[in-house]
């Protein structure tokens, strides 16, 4: 019985370690994705500025007027 309990404990510990390792990898991937999304949003905003598009009230976007 003692040997069986030890084997079960070892298997449980192995599974726990694997789950924790996968969660850490997943969180790192989420962090990387978040950084990429932030960079993409900044690049889009820069391109919109260069193209003369201004952002109004969140998601509504209209072309900027040229004052010549």
N, C-alpha and C. Protein backbone atom coordinates (compact mmCIF):
# COMPACT_ATOMS: atom_id res chain seq x y z
N UNK A 1 0.83 -1.19 0.00
CA UNK A 1 0.00 0.00 0.00
C UNK A 1 0.88 1.26 0.00
N UNK A 2 1.92 1.24 0.80
CA UNK A 2 2.83 2.39 0.87
C UNK A 2 3.47 2.65 -0.50
N UNK A 3 3.90 1.61 -1.18
CA UNK A 3 4.52 1.74 -2.50
C UNK A 3 3.52 2.31 -3.50
N UNK A 4 2.30 1.84 -3.46
CA UNK A 4 1.26 2.32 -4.36
C UNK A 4 0.98 3.80 -4.12
N UNK A 5 0.89 4.19 -2.87
CA UNK A 5 0.68 5.61 -2.54
C UNK A 5 1.85 6.48 -3.02
N UNK A 6 3.06 5.99 -2.88
CA UNK A 6 4.23 6.73 -3.33
C UNK A 6 4.22 6.89 -4.84
N UNK A 7 3.85 5.81 -5.56
CA UNK A 7 3.78 5.89 -7.02
C UNK A 7 2.71 6.90 -7.46
N UNK A 8 1.57 6.88 -6.77
CA UNK A 8 0.51 7.83 -7.10
C UNK A 8 0.97 9.26 -6.83
N UNK A 9 1.67 9.48 -5.72
CA UNK A 9 2.19 10.80 -5.39
C UNK A 9 3.19 11.26 -6.45
N UNK A 10 4.06 10.37 -6.87
CA UNK A 10 5.05 10.71 -7.91
C UNK A 10 4.37 11.09 -9.22
N UNK A 11 3.36 10.32 -9.61
CA UNK A 11 2.64 10.62 -10.85
C UNK A 11 1.90 11.95 -10.74
N UNK A 12 1.28 12.19 -9.59
CA UNK A 12 0.59 13.45 -9.37
C UNK A 12 1.56 14.62 -9.45
N UNK A 13 2.72 14.48 -8.84
CA UNK A 13 3.71 15.55 -8.86
C UNK A 13 4.20 15.82 -10.28
N UNK A 14 4.42 14.76 -11.04
CA UNK A 14 4.86 14.90 -12.44
C UNK A 14 3.80 15.64 -13.24
N UNK A 15 2.55 15.25 -13.07
CA UNK A 15 1.46 15.91 -13.79
C UNK A 15 1.34 17.37 -13.38
N UNK A 16 1.47 17.65 -12.11
CA UNK A 16 1.39 19.03 -11.62
C UNK A 16 2.51 19.88 -12.22
N UNK A 17 3.71 19.34 -12.24
CA UNK A 17 4.85 20.06 -12.82
C UNK A 17 4.63 20.34 -14.30
N UNK A 18 4.06 19.37 -15.02
CA UNK A 18 3.80 19.57 -16.45
C UNK A 18 2.75 20.66 -16.66
N UNK A 19 1.71 20.65 -15.84
CA UNK A 19 0.66 21.67 -15.97
C UNK A 19 1.22 23.05 -15.67
N UNK A 20 2.00 23.16 -14.63
CA UNK A 20 2.59 24.46 -14.27
C UNK A 20 3.52 24.93 -15.39
N UNK A 21 4.32 24.02 -15.93
CA UNK A 21 5.21 24.38 -17.03
C UNK A 21 4.46 24.86 -18.25
N UNK A 22 3.37 24.19 -18.58
CA UNK A 22 2.55 24.61 -19.73
C UNK A 22 1.91 25.96 -19.48
N UNK A 23 1.45 26.19 -18.24
CA UNK A 23 0.84 27.48 -17.92
C UNK A 23 1.85 28.62 -18.04
N UNK A 24 3.07 28.36 -17.61
CA UNK A 24 4.11 29.39 -17.72
C UNK A 24 4.39 29.70 -19.19
N UNK A 25 4.49 28.67 -20.03
CA UNK A 25 4.70 28.88 -21.46
C UNK A 25 3.54 29.64 -22.07
N UNK A 26 2.32 29.28 -21.69
CA UNK A 26 1.13 29.94 -22.21
C UNK A 26 1.12 31.42 -21.82
N UNK A 27 1.46 31.72 -20.57
CA UNK A 27 1.48 33.11 -20.12
C UNK A 27 2.55 33.91 -20.85
N UNK A 28 3.70 33.28 -21.11
CA UNK A 28 4.74 33.96 -21.88
C UNK A 28 4.28 34.25 -23.29
N UNK A 29 3.57 33.29 -23.90
CA UNK A 29 3.06 33.50 -25.25
C UNK A 29 2.01 34.61 -25.27
N UNK A 30 1.16 34.66 -24.24
CA UNK A 30 0.17 35.73 -24.16
C UNK A 30 0.85 37.09 -24.02
N UNK A 31 1.89 37.15 -23.21
CA UNK A 31 2.62 38.41 -23.03
C UNK A 31 3.25 38.85 -24.34
N UNK A 32 3.86 37.91 -25.06
CA UNK A 32 4.45 38.23 -26.36
C UNK A 32 3.39 38.72 -27.34
N UNK A 33 2.23 38.06 -27.34
CA UNK A 33 1.16 38.45 -28.25
C UNK A 33 0.65 39.84 -27.89
N UNK A 34 0.54 40.13 -26.61
CA UNK A 34 0.10 41.44 -26.17
C UNK A 34 1.06 42.53 -26.65
N UNK A 35 2.34 42.27 -26.55
CA UNK A 35 3.34 43.24 -27.03
C UNK A 35 3.23 43.43 -28.53
N UNK A 36 3.01 42.36 -29.27
CA UNK A 36 2.87 42.46 -30.72
C UNK A 36 1.63 43.26 -31.09
N UNK A 37 0.53 43.05 -30.37
CA UNK A 37 -0.69 43.80 -30.64
C UNK A 37 -0.47 45.28 -30.35
N UNK A 38 0.20 45.59 -29.25
CA UNK A 38 0.51 46.98 -28.92
C UNK A 38 1.34 47.62 -30.02
N UNK A 39 2.36 46.90 -30.51
CA UNK A 39 3.19 47.42 -31.60
C UNK A 39 2.38 47.62 -32.87
N UNK A 40 1.50 46.68 -33.17
CA UNK A 40 0.66 46.79 -34.35
C UNK A 40 -0.26 48.00 -34.26
N UNK A 41 -0.88 48.21 -33.10
CA UNK A 41 -1.75 49.37 -32.91
C UNK A 41 -0.97 50.67 -33.08
N UNK A 42 0.24 50.71 -32.55
CA UNK A 42 1.06 51.92 -32.69
C UNK A 42 1.42 52.15 -34.16
N UNK A 43 1.79 51.08 -34.86
CA UNK A 43 2.14 51.21 -36.28
C UNK A 43 0.94 51.67 -37.10
N UNK A 44 -0.24 51.15 -36.80
CA UNK A 44 -1.45 51.58 -37.51
C UNK A 44 -1.72 53.06 -37.24
N UNK A 45 -1.60 53.47 -35.99
CA UNK A 45 -1.81 54.88 -35.65
C UNK A 45 -0.80 55.76 -36.38
N UNK A 46 0.45 55.33 -36.46
CA UNK A 46 1.47 56.10 -37.18
C UNK A 46 1.14 56.20 -38.66
N UNK A 47 0.70 55.09 -39.25
CA UNK A 47 0.33 55.10 -40.66
C UNK A 47 -0.88 56.00 -40.91
N UNK A 48 -1.84 55.97 -40.00
CA UNK A 48 -3.02 56.83 -40.14
C UNK A 48 -2.61 58.30 -40.07
N UNK A 49 -1.70 58.62 -39.18
CA UNK A 49 -1.22 59.98 -39.06
C UNK A 49 -0.52 60.41 -40.34
N UNK A 50 0.32 59.54 -40.87
CA UNK A 50 1.03 59.85 -42.11
C UNK A 50 0.07 60.01 -43.28
N UNK A 51 -1.04 59.26 -43.26
CA UNK A 51 -2.01 59.32 -44.35
C UNK A 51 -2.98 60.48 -44.18
N UNK A 52 -2.90 61.19 -43.06
CA UNK A 52 -3.79 62.32 -42.83
C UNK A 52 -5.14 61.93 -42.30
N UNK A 53 -5.21 60.84 -41.58
CA UNK A 53 -6.47 60.39 -40.98
C UNK A 53 -6.39 60.68 -39.49
N UNK A 54 -7.46 61.32 -38.97
CA UNK A 54 -7.50 61.62 -37.55
C UNK A 54 -8.51 60.72 -36.88
N UNK A 55 -8.25 60.37 -35.64
CA UNK A 55 -9.17 59.53 -34.87
C UNK A 55 -10.11 60.44 -34.09
N UNK A 56 -11.42 60.19 -34.23
CA UNK A 56 -12.42 60.95 -33.50
C UNK A 56 -13.31 60.00 -32.72
N UNK A 57 -13.53 60.30 -31.45
CA UNK A 57 -14.42 59.53 -30.59
C UNK A 57 -14.19 58.03 -30.67
N UNK A 58 -13.04 57.58 -30.33
CA UNK A 58 -12.75 56.15 -30.27
C UNK A 58 -12.58 55.52 -31.62
N UNK A 59 -13.59 54.78 -32.10
CA UNK A 59 -13.46 54.00 -33.32
C UNK A 59 -13.86 54.76 -34.58
N UNK A 60 -14.53 55.91 -34.47
CA UNK A 60 -14.94 56.65 -35.66
C UNK A 60 -13.76 57.40 -36.23
N UNK A 61 -13.48 57.17 -37.49
CA UNK A 61 -12.32 57.79 -38.12
C UNK A 61 -12.77 58.50 -39.39
N UNK A 62 -12.27 59.71 -39.56
CA UNK A 62 -12.60 60.50 -40.75
C UNK A 62 -11.33 61.08 -41.33
N UNK A 63 -11.32 61.34 -42.63
CA UNK A 63 -10.12 61.95 -43.23
C UNK A 63 -9.92 63.35 -42.68
N UNK A 64 -8.67 63.71 -42.53
CA UNK A 64 -8.34 65.06 -42.08
C UNK A 64 -8.56 66.03 -43.22
N UNK A 65 -8.95 67.24 -42.89
CA UNK A 65 -9.14 68.25 -43.93
C UNK A 65 -7.85 69.00 -44.16
N UNK A 66 -7.56 69.25 -45.43
CA UNK A 66 -6.37 70.01 -45.78
C UNK A 66 -6.69 71.48 -45.75
N UNK A 67 -5.93 72.27 -45.02
CA UNK A 67 -6.14 73.71 -44.93
C UNK A 67 -5.02 74.41 -45.70
N UNK A 68 -5.24 74.57 -47.01
CA UNK A 68 -4.23 75.21 -47.84
C UNK A 68 -4.72 76.54 -48.31
